[in-house]
Amino acid sequence: MTTILRLSAAASLLLLLAGCATTPASRIQQNQELFDSLPVADQARIRGGQITLGYTPDMVRIALGDPQRRLVRRSADAETAVWLYLDTVRRYERQRADIDGLLVSGPGGMRSIGGSAWVNVLQEREFVRRRVEFHNGLVTAIEEPAEAPPAP
């Protein structure tokens, strides 16, 4: 592949990825009328990607974006919508792998080798970054971790 084609492919990928990520500023621009109707204190909070009790789903969506998961909790008293905002912790762990009967092709033909090798294994762990509960269309509870994210 020529250098120009590689650069073109890389630029296209970056544009695609940039289009997927939204920020509070871009979400505000898409919902400018609603944002302008809010009190100044709420505008500042939303601009900073923060929410508080009493916000509507639209206000939360502008501040945080769409949730990765939506749940409904039903109880005898009420039905509560729950939005989960998730993150993933990724880390590579070096592990020893046994290789038995691996066929390798070379100048002398095919041959079988064995033994062990060190490989990097990706460890991923998903965790809830923020949990938002709505009752009657308003935020009634917000859960956020008090500590650093868990290790994988």
N, C-alpha and C. Protein backbone atom coordinates (compact mmCIF):
# COMPACT_ATOMS: atom_id res chain seq x y z
N MET A 1 0.85 -1.16 0.00
CA MET A 1 0.00 0.00 0.00
C MET A 1 0.91 1.24 0.00
N THR A 2 0.58 2.19 -0.80
CA THR A 2 1.41 3.38 -0.87
C THR A 2 1.18 4.27 0.34
N THR A 3 2.10 5.18 0.54
CA THR A 3 2.01 6.08 1.69
C THR A 3 0.75 6.94 1.61
N ILE A 4 0.39 7.40 0.44
CA ILE A 4 -0.80 8.24 0.28
C ILE A 4 -2.05 7.46 0.65
N LEU A 5 -2.13 6.20 0.21
CA LEU A 5 -3.30 5.39 0.57
C LEU A 5 -3.36 5.14 2.07
N ARG A 6 -2.21 4.89 2.69
CA ARG A 6 -2.18 4.67 4.14
C ARG A 6 -2.64 5.92 4.89
N LEU A 7 -2.14 7.08 4.48
CA LEU A 7 -2.54 8.32 5.14
C LEU A 7 -4.02 8.59 4.94
N SER A 8 -4.53 8.32 3.75
CA SER A 8 -5.94 8.52 3.47
C SER A 8 -6.80 7.60 4.33
N ALA A 9 -6.39 6.35 4.45
CA ALA A 9 -7.14 5.40 5.28
C ALA A 9 -7.11 5.82 6.74
N ALA A 10 -5.96 6.26 7.22
CA ALA A 10 -5.84 6.70 8.62
C ALA A 10 -6.71 7.93 8.87
N ALA A 11 -6.70 8.89 7.94
CA ALA A 11 -7.52 10.10 8.10
C ALA A 11 -9.00 9.75 8.11
N SER A 12 -9.42 8.83 7.25
CA SER A 12 -10.83 8.42 7.21
C SER A 12 -11.24 7.77 8.53
N LEU A 13 -10.36 6.93 9.07
CA LEU A 13 -10.65 6.27 10.33
C LEU A 13 -10.78 7.28 11.47
N LEU A 14 -9.89 8.26 11.51
CA LEU A 14 -9.96 9.29 12.54
C LEU A 14 -11.25 10.10 12.45
N LEU A 15 -11.67 10.43 11.24
CA LEU A 15 -12.93 11.17 11.07
C LEU A 15 -14.11 10.34 11.53
N LEU A 16 -14.08 9.04 11.21
CA LEU A 16 -15.16 8.16 11.62
C LEU A 16 -15.23 8.08 13.14
N LEU A 17 -14.08 7.90 13.80
CA LEU A 17 -14.05 7.80 15.25
C LEU A 17 -14.45 9.12 15.90
N ALA A 18 -14.02 10.23 15.33
CA ALA A 18 -14.38 11.54 15.88
C ALA A 18 -15.88 11.77 15.78
N GLY A 19 -16.51 11.26 14.75
CA GLY A 19 -17.95 11.44 14.58
C GLY A 19 -18.75 10.64 15.59
N CYS A 20 -18.18 9.55 16.12
CA CYS A 20 -18.88 8.71 17.08
C CYS A 20 -18.86 9.30 18.48
N ALA A 21 -17.80 10.00 18.83
CA ALA A 21 -17.66 10.56 20.17
C ALA A 21 -18.41 11.89 20.24
N THR A 22 -19.26 12.01 21.25
CA THR A 22 -19.96 13.27 21.43
C THR A 22 -19.47 13.92 22.72
N THR A 23 -19.56 15.21 22.76
CA THR A 23 -19.16 15.98 23.94
C THR A 23 -20.36 16.78 24.41
N PRO A 24 -20.31 17.28 25.65
CA PRO A 24 -21.42 18.15 26.08
C PRO A 24 -21.63 19.32 25.11
N ALA A 25 -20.55 19.88 24.59
CA ALA A 25 -20.68 21.02 23.67
C ALA A 25 -21.45 20.64 22.41
N SER A 26 -21.15 19.48 21.86
CA SER A 26 -21.86 19.07 20.63
C SER A 26 -23.32 18.72 20.94
N ARG A 27 -23.57 18.14 22.11
CA ARG A 27 -24.95 17.80 22.48
C ARG A 27 -25.74 19.06 22.80
N ILE A 28 -25.07 20.06 23.39
CA ILE A 28 -25.74 21.34 23.65
C ILE A 28 -26.15 21.98 22.33
N GLN A 29 -25.25 21.95 21.37
CA GLN A 29 -25.53 22.55 20.06
C GLN A 29 -26.72 21.86 19.40
N GLN A 30 -26.85 20.56 19.55
CA GLN A 30 -27.97 19.84 18.97
C GLN A 30 -29.28 20.11 19.70
N ASN A 31 -29.20 20.55 20.95
CA ASN A 31 -30.39 20.82 21.78
C ASN A 31 -30.35 22.25 22.31
N GLN A 32 -29.96 23.18 21.46
CA GLN A 32 -29.72 24.57 21.87
C GLN A 32 -30.95 25.22 22.51
N GLU A 33 -32.13 24.98 21.95
CA GLU A 33 -33.33 25.62 22.47
C GLU A 33 -33.62 25.19 23.91
N LEU A 34 -33.55 23.89 24.17
CA LEU A 34 -33.76 23.40 25.53
C LEU A 34 -32.68 23.94 26.47
N PHE A 35 -31.42 23.89 26.03
CA PHE A 35 -30.31 24.36 26.86
C PHE A 35 -30.49 25.84 27.23
N ASP A 36 -30.87 26.66 26.26
CA ASP A 36 -31.05 28.10 26.50
C ASP A 36 -32.19 28.39 27.48
N SER A 37 -33.17 27.46 27.59
CA SER A 37 -34.30 27.68 28.49
C SER A 37 -33.98 27.33 29.94
N LEU A 38 -32.81 26.74 30.19
CA LEU A 38 -32.45 26.30 31.54
C LEU A 38 -31.82 27.43 32.35
N PRO A 39 -31.92 27.37 33.68
CA PRO A 39 -31.24 28.36 34.53
C PRO A 39 -29.72 28.31 34.31
N VAL A 40 -29.06 29.44 34.56
CA VAL A 40 -27.63 29.57 34.32
C VAL A 40 -26.83 28.52 35.10
N ALA A 41 -27.21 28.24 36.34
CA ALA A 41 -26.49 27.25 37.15
C ALA A 41 -26.56 25.87 36.51
N ASP A 42 -27.74 25.50 35.98
CA ASP A 42 -27.89 24.20 35.31
C ASP A 42 -27.10 24.18 34.01
N GLN A 43 -27.08 25.29 33.29
CA GLN A 43 -26.29 25.35 32.05
C GLN A 43 -24.81 25.10 32.34
N ALA A 44 -24.30 25.71 33.40
CA ALA A 44 -22.89 25.53 33.75
C ALA A 44 -22.60 24.09 34.14
N ARG A 45 -23.51 23.50 34.91
CA ARG A 45 -23.34 22.11 35.33
C ARG A 45 -23.35 21.19 34.12
N ILE A 46 -24.31 21.36 33.23
CA ILE A 46 -24.41 20.51 32.03
C ILE A 46 -23.21 20.71 31.13
N ARG A 47 -22.77 21.94 30.98
CA ARG A 47 -21.60 22.23 30.15
C ARG A 47 -20.38 21.46 30.67
N GLY A 48 -20.30 21.26 31.98
CA GLY A 48 -19.20 20.52 32.60
C GLY A 48 -19.43 19.02 32.65
N GLY A 49 -20.52 18.54 32.05
CA GLY A 49 -20.80 17.10 32.03
C GLY A 49 -21.27 16.57 33.38
N GLN A 50 -21.93 17.42 34.16
CA GLN A 50 -22.43 17.03 35.48
C GLN A 50 -23.95 17.09 35.51
N ILE A 51 -24.53 16.30 36.41
CA ILE A 51 -25.99 16.30 36.58
C ILE A 51 -26.30 16.41 38.06
N THR A 52 -27.57 16.65 38.37
CA THR A 52 -28.01 16.69 39.77
C THR A 52 -29.45 16.18 39.85
N LEU A 53 -29.91 15.99 41.07
CA LEU A 53 -31.28 15.50 41.28
C LEU A 53 -32.28 16.49 40.69
N GLY A 54 -33.37 15.94 40.15
CA GLY A 54 -34.42 16.78 39.57
C GLY A 54 -34.29 17.02 38.08
N TYR A 55 -33.18 16.59 37.47
CA TYR A 55 -33.01 16.77 36.03
C TYR A 55 -33.94 15.84 35.26
N THR A 56 -34.31 16.27 34.07
CA THR A 56 -35.13 15.45 33.17
C THR A 56 -34.21 14.55 32.36
N PRO A 57 -34.76 13.51 31.71
CA PRO A 57 -33.93 12.67 30.86
C PRO A 57 -33.22 13.46 29.75
N ASP A 58 -33.88 14.47 29.18
CA ASP A 58 -33.24 15.28 28.14
C ASP A 58 -32.04 16.03 28.68
N MET A 59 -32.16 16.57 29.89
CA MET A 59 -31.04 17.30 30.49
C MET A 59 -29.86 16.36 30.76
N VAL A 60 -30.16 15.14 31.23
CA VAL A 60 -29.10 14.15 31.49
C VAL A 60 -28.44 13.75 30.18
N ARG A 61 -29.25 13.56 29.15
CA ARG A 61 -28.71 13.17 27.85
C ARG A 61 -27.77 14.24 27.29
N ILE A 62 -28.10 15.51 27.48
CA ILE A 62 -27.23 16.58 27.01
C ILE A 62 -25.91 16.57 27.80
N ALA A 63 -25.99 16.38 29.10
CA ALA A 63 -24.79 16.42 29.94
C ALA A 63 -23.90 15.19 29.77
N LEU A 64 -24.51 13.99 29.71
CA LEU A 64 -23.74 12.75 29.73
C LEU A 64 -23.79 11.94 28.44
N GLY A 65 -24.71 12.25 27.56
CA GLY A 65 -24.89 11.44 26.36
C GLY A 65 -25.87 10.31 26.63
N ASP A 66 -26.02 9.44 25.64
CA ASP A 66 -26.93 8.30 25.80
C ASP A 66 -26.27 7.25 26.69
N PRO A 67 -27.04 6.59 27.54
CA PRO A 67 -26.46 5.55 28.41
C PRO A 67 -26.10 4.31 27.60
N GLN A 68 -25.15 3.55 28.09
CA GLN A 68 -24.79 2.29 27.43
C GLN A 68 -25.83 1.20 27.70
N ARG A 69 -26.50 1.29 28.85
CA ARG A 69 -27.56 0.32 29.17
C ARG A 69 -28.71 1.03 29.84
N ARG A 70 -29.91 0.52 29.59
CA ARG A 70 -31.13 1.02 30.24
C ARG A 70 -31.83 -0.15 30.90
N LEU A 71 -32.24 0.07 32.12
CA LEU A 71 -32.97 -0.96 32.88
C LEU A 71 -34.27 -0.36 33.39
N VAL A 72 -35.20 -1.23 33.75
CA VAL A 72 -36.44 -0.80 34.41
C VAL A 72 -36.55 -1.62 35.69
N ARG A 73 -36.69 -0.93 36.82
CA ARG A 73 -36.88 -1.61 38.09
C ARG A 73 -38.32 -1.42 38.51
N ARG A 74 -39.03 -2.52 38.69
CA ARG A 74 -40.43 -2.48 39.09
C ARG A 74 -40.54 -2.96 40.54
N SER A 75 -41.27 -2.22 41.32
CA SER A 75 -41.54 -2.62 42.70
C SER A 75 -43.03 -2.47 42.94
N ALA A 76 -43.47 -2.82 44.14
CA ALA A 76 -44.89 -2.69 44.47
C ALA A 76 -45.33 -1.24 44.43
N ASP A 77 -44.37 -0.32 44.72
CA ASP A 77 -44.72 1.09 44.80
C ASP A 77 -44.62 1.84 43.48
N ALA A 78 -43.60 1.50 42.68
CA ALA A 78 -43.35 2.33 41.50
C ALA A 78 -42.50 1.60 40.46
N GLU A 79 -42.39 2.26 39.33
CA GLU A 79 -41.50 1.78 38.26
C GLU A 79 -40.43 2.85 38.08
N THR A 80 -39.17 2.41 38.08
CA THR A 80 -38.04 3.33 38.00
C THR A 80 -37.21 3.00 36.78
N ALA A 81 -36.90 4.02 35.98
CA ALA A 81 -35.99 3.85 34.85
C ALA A 81 -34.57 4.04 35.37
N VAL A 82 -33.67 3.14 34.96
CA VAL A 82 -32.28 3.20 35.40
C VAL A 82 -31.39 3.27 34.18
N TRP A 83 -30.53 4.28 34.14
CA TRP A 83 -29.56 4.44 33.05
C TRP A 83 -28.18 4.14 33.60
N LEU A 84 -27.45 3.29 32.89
CA LEU A 84 -26.10 2.94 33.29
C LEU A 84 -25.09 3.50 32.29
N TYR A 85 -24.11 4.20 32.81
CA TYR A 85 -23.00 4.70 32.02
C TYR A 85 -21.79 3.86 32.41
N LEU A 86 -21.23 3.16 31.44
CA LEU A 86 -20.19 2.16 31.71
C LEU A 86 -18.83 2.61 31.22
N ASP A 87 -17.81 2.00 31.77
CA ASP A 87 -16.43 2.17 31.33
C ASP A 87 -15.78 0.80 31.35
N THR A 88 -14.65 0.69 30.69
CA THR A 88 -13.91 -0.56 30.65
C THR A 88 -12.47 -0.30 31.04
N VAL A 89 -11.97 -1.13 31.94
CA VAL A 89 -10.56 -1.09 32.30
C VAL A 89 -9.88 -2.19 31.48
N ARG A 90 -8.83 -1.81 30.74
CA ARG A 90 -8.11 -2.78 29.91
C ARG A 90 -6.66 -2.84 30.36
N ARG A 91 -6.13 -4.06 30.37
CA ARG A 91 -4.74 -4.24 30.74
C ARG A 91 -4.25 -5.54 30.13
N TYR A 92 -2.99 -5.53 29.73
CA TYR A 92 -2.38 -6.74 29.20
C TYR A 92 -1.66 -7.46 30.31
N GLU A 93 -1.84 -8.77 30.35
CA GLU A 93 -1.18 -9.61 31.33
C GLU A 93 -0.32 -10.61 30.60
N ARG A 94 0.92 -10.73 31.00
CA ARG A 94 1.84 -11.67 30.35
C ARG A 94 1.61 -13.05 30.95
N GLN A 95 1.34 -14.03 30.07
CA GLN A 95 1.08 -15.39 30.51
C GLN A 95 1.92 -16.37 29.69
N ARG A 96 2.23 -17.47 30.32
CA ARG A 96 3.00 -18.52 29.63
C ARG A 96 2.04 -19.50 28.98
N ALA A 97 2.28 -19.80 27.72
CA ALA A 97 1.42 -20.72 26.97
C ALA A 97 2.25 -21.90 26.48
N ASP A 98 1.71 -23.10 26.66
CA ASP A 98 2.37 -24.31 26.14
C ASP A 98 2.01 -24.49 24.68
N ILE A 99 3.03 -24.75 23.89
CA ILE A 99 2.83 -24.97 22.46
C ILE A 99 3.18 -26.42 22.19
N ASP A 100 2.24 -27.15 21.66
CA ASP A 100 2.48 -28.57 21.41
C ASP A 100 2.10 -28.89 19.97
N GLY A 101 3.07 -29.27 19.18
CA GLY A 101 2.81 -29.70 17.81
C GLY A 101 2.51 -28.57 16.85
N LEU A 102 3.11 -27.41 17.03
CA LEU A 102 2.92 -26.29 16.13
C LEU A 102 3.70 -26.55 14.85
N LEU A 103 3.03 -26.48 13.70
CA LEU A 103 3.69 -26.71 12.42
C LEU A 103 4.23 -25.40 11.88
N VAL A 104 5.52 -25.42 11.53
CA VAL A 104 6.18 -24.24 11.01
C VAL A 104 6.73 -24.56 9.63
N SER A 105 6.46 -23.68 8.68
CA SER A 105 6.96 -23.86 7.31
C SER A 105 8.22 -23.02 7.14
N GLY A 106 9.24 -23.63 6.59
CA GLY A 106 10.50 -22.91 6.37
C GLY A 106 11.20 -23.44 5.14
N PRO A 107 12.44 -22.97 4.94
CA PRO A 107 13.19 -23.40 3.76
C PRO A 107 13.40 -24.91 3.70
N GLY A 108 13.48 -25.56 4.84
CA GLY A 108 13.69 -27.01 4.86
C GLY A 108 12.40 -27.79 4.81
N GLY A 109 11.28 -27.14 4.63
CA GLY A 109 9.98 -27.81 4.59
C GLY A 109 9.22 -27.59 5.90
N MET A 110 8.21 -28.41 6.15
CA MET A 110 7.39 -28.30 7.35
C MET A 110 8.06 -29.05 8.49
N ARG A 111 7.97 -28.49 9.68
CA ARG A 111 8.47 -29.20 10.84
C ARG A 111 7.58 -28.86 12.04
N SER A 112 7.57 -29.74 12.99
CA SER A 112 6.76 -29.57 14.19
C SER A 112 7.65 -29.11 15.33
N ILE A 113 7.16 -28.11 16.07
CA ILE A 113 7.91 -27.65 17.23
C ILE A 113 7.01 -27.67 18.44
N GLY A 114 7.62 -27.64 19.60
CA GLY A 114 6.87 -27.62 20.85
C GLY A 114 7.62 -26.82 21.88
N GLY A 115 7.05 -26.69 23.03
CA GLY A 115 7.69 -25.93 24.10
C GLY A 115 6.69 -24.96 24.70
N SER A 116 7.20 -23.82 25.12
CA SER A 116 6.32 -22.81 25.70
C SER A 116 6.74 -21.43 25.21
N ALA A 117 5.84 -20.52 25.32
CA ALA A 117 6.12 -19.15 24.90
C ALA A 117 5.36 -18.21 25.82
N TRP A 118 5.83 -16.98 25.90
CA TRP A 118 5.15 -15.94 26.66
C TRP A 118 4.27 -15.15 25.71
N VAL A 119 3.02 -14.94 26.11
CA VAL A 119 2.08 -14.19 25.28
C VAL A 119 1.42 -13.10 26.13
N ASN A 120 1.01 -12.04 25.49
CA ASN A 120 0.27 -10.98 26.16
C ASN A 120 -1.22 -11.25 25.98
N VAL A 121 -1.95 -11.31 27.08
CA VAL A 121 -3.38 -11.59 27.05
C VAL A 121 -4.10 -10.33 27.54
N LEU A 122 -5.06 -9.87 26.74
CA LEU A 122 -5.83 -8.69 27.10
C LEU A 122 -6.86 -9.05 28.16
N GLN A 123 -6.82 -8.34 29.28
CA GLN A 123 -7.80 -8.51 30.35
C GLN A 123 -8.70 -7.28 30.34
N GLU A 124 -10.00 -7.48 30.26
CA GLU A 124 -10.95 -6.37 30.26
C GLU A 124 -11.97 -6.58 31.39
N ARG A 125 -12.31 -5.46 32.02
CA ARG A 125 -13.34 -5.51 33.04
C ARG A 125 -14.23 -4.29 32.89
N GLU A 126 -15.51 -4.55 32.74
CA GLU A 126 -16.47 -3.46 32.59
C GLU A 126 -17.00 -3.08 33.97
N PHE A 127 -17.18 -1.77 34.20
CA PHE A 127 -17.72 -1.33 35.48
C PHE A 127 -18.66 -0.15 35.25
N VAL A 128 -19.55 0.05 36.20
CA VAL A 128 -20.51 1.14 36.13
C VAL A 128 -19.82 2.42 36.59
N ARG A 129 -19.71 3.37 35.69
CA ARG A 129 -19.12 4.67 36.00
C ARG A 129 -20.16 5.57 36.68
N ARG A 130 -21.40 5.46 36.21
CA ARG A 130 -22.47 6.28 36.79
C ARG A 130 -23.80 5.56 36.58
N ARG A 131 -24.64 5.61 37.61
CA ARG A 131 -25.98 5.02 37.56
C ARG A 131 -26.97 6.13 37.88
N VAL A 132 -27.93 6.33 37.00
CA VAL A 132 -28.91 7.41 37.17
C VAL A 132 -30.30 6.79 37.19
N GLU A 133 -31.09 7.14 38.22
CA GLU A 133 -32.44 6.61 38.34
C GLU A 133 -33.45 7.74 38.15
N PHE A 134 -34.52 7.41 37.39
CA PHE A 134 -35.59 8.37 37.12
C PHE A 134 -36.90 7.81 37.67
N HIS A 135 -37.65 8.69 38.31
CA HIS A 135 -39.00 8.35 38.75
C HIS A 135 -39.89 9.53 38.36
N ASN A 136 -40.99 9.23 37.68
CA ASN A 136 -41.89 10.27 37.17
C ASN A 136 -41.16 11.30 36.31
N GLY A 137 -40.18 10.84 35.53
CA GLY A 137 -39.51 11.72 34.58
C GLY A 137 -38.45 12.64 35.16
N LEU A 138 -38.04 12.42 36.42
CA LEU A 138 -37.01 13.25 37.03
C LEU A 138 -35.95 12.38 37.71
N VAL A 139 -34.72 12.85 37.74
CA VAL A 139 -33.65 12.12 38.41
C VAL A 139 -33.93 12.10 39.90
N THR A 140 -33.97 10.89 40.47
CA THR A 140 -34.21 10.75 41.90
C THR A 140 -33.01 10.17 42.63
N ALA A 141 -32.05 9.61 41.89
CA ALA A 141 -30.85 9.05 42.51
C ALA A 141 -29.72 9.02 41.50
N ILE A 142 -28.50 9.28 41.99
CA ILE A 142 -27.30 9.24 41.18
C ILE A 142 -26.24 8.47 41.97
N GLU A 143 -25.67 7.45 41.36
CA GLU A 143 -24.58 6.70 42.00
C GLU A 143 -23.33 6.88 41.17
N GLU A 144 -22.23 7.22 41.86
CA GLU A 144 -20.93 7.37 41.22
C GLU A 144 -19.91 6.71 42.13
N PRO A 145 -18.86 6.11 41.55
CA PRO A 145 -17.86 5.49 42.42
C PRO A 145 -17.12 6.54 43.22
N ALA A 146 -16.85 6.23 44.48
CA ALA A 146 -16.12 7.13 45.34
C ALA A 146 -14.61 6.96 45.18
N GLU A 147 -14.21 5.86 44.53
CA GLU A 147 -12.79 5.53 44.40
C GLU A 147 -12.42 5.37 42.94
N ALA A 148 -11.16 5.03 42.74
CA ALA A 148 -10.67 4.75 41.38
C ALA A 148 -11.35 3.49 40.86
N PRO A 149 -11.41 3.32 39.52
CA PRO A 149 -12.04 2.14 38.95
C PRO A 149 -11.33 0.86 39.39
N PRO A 150 -12.08 -0.25 39.44
CA PRO A 150 -11.48 -1.51 39.89
C PRO A 150 -10.45 -2.03 38.90
N ALA A 151 -9.48 -2.75 39.41
CA ALA A 151 -8.48 -3.37 38.54
C ALA A 151 -9.10 -4.58 37.85
N PRO A 152 -8.65 -4.89 36.64
CA PRO A 152 -9.24 -6.05 35.93
C PRO A 152 -8.92 -7.35 36.61
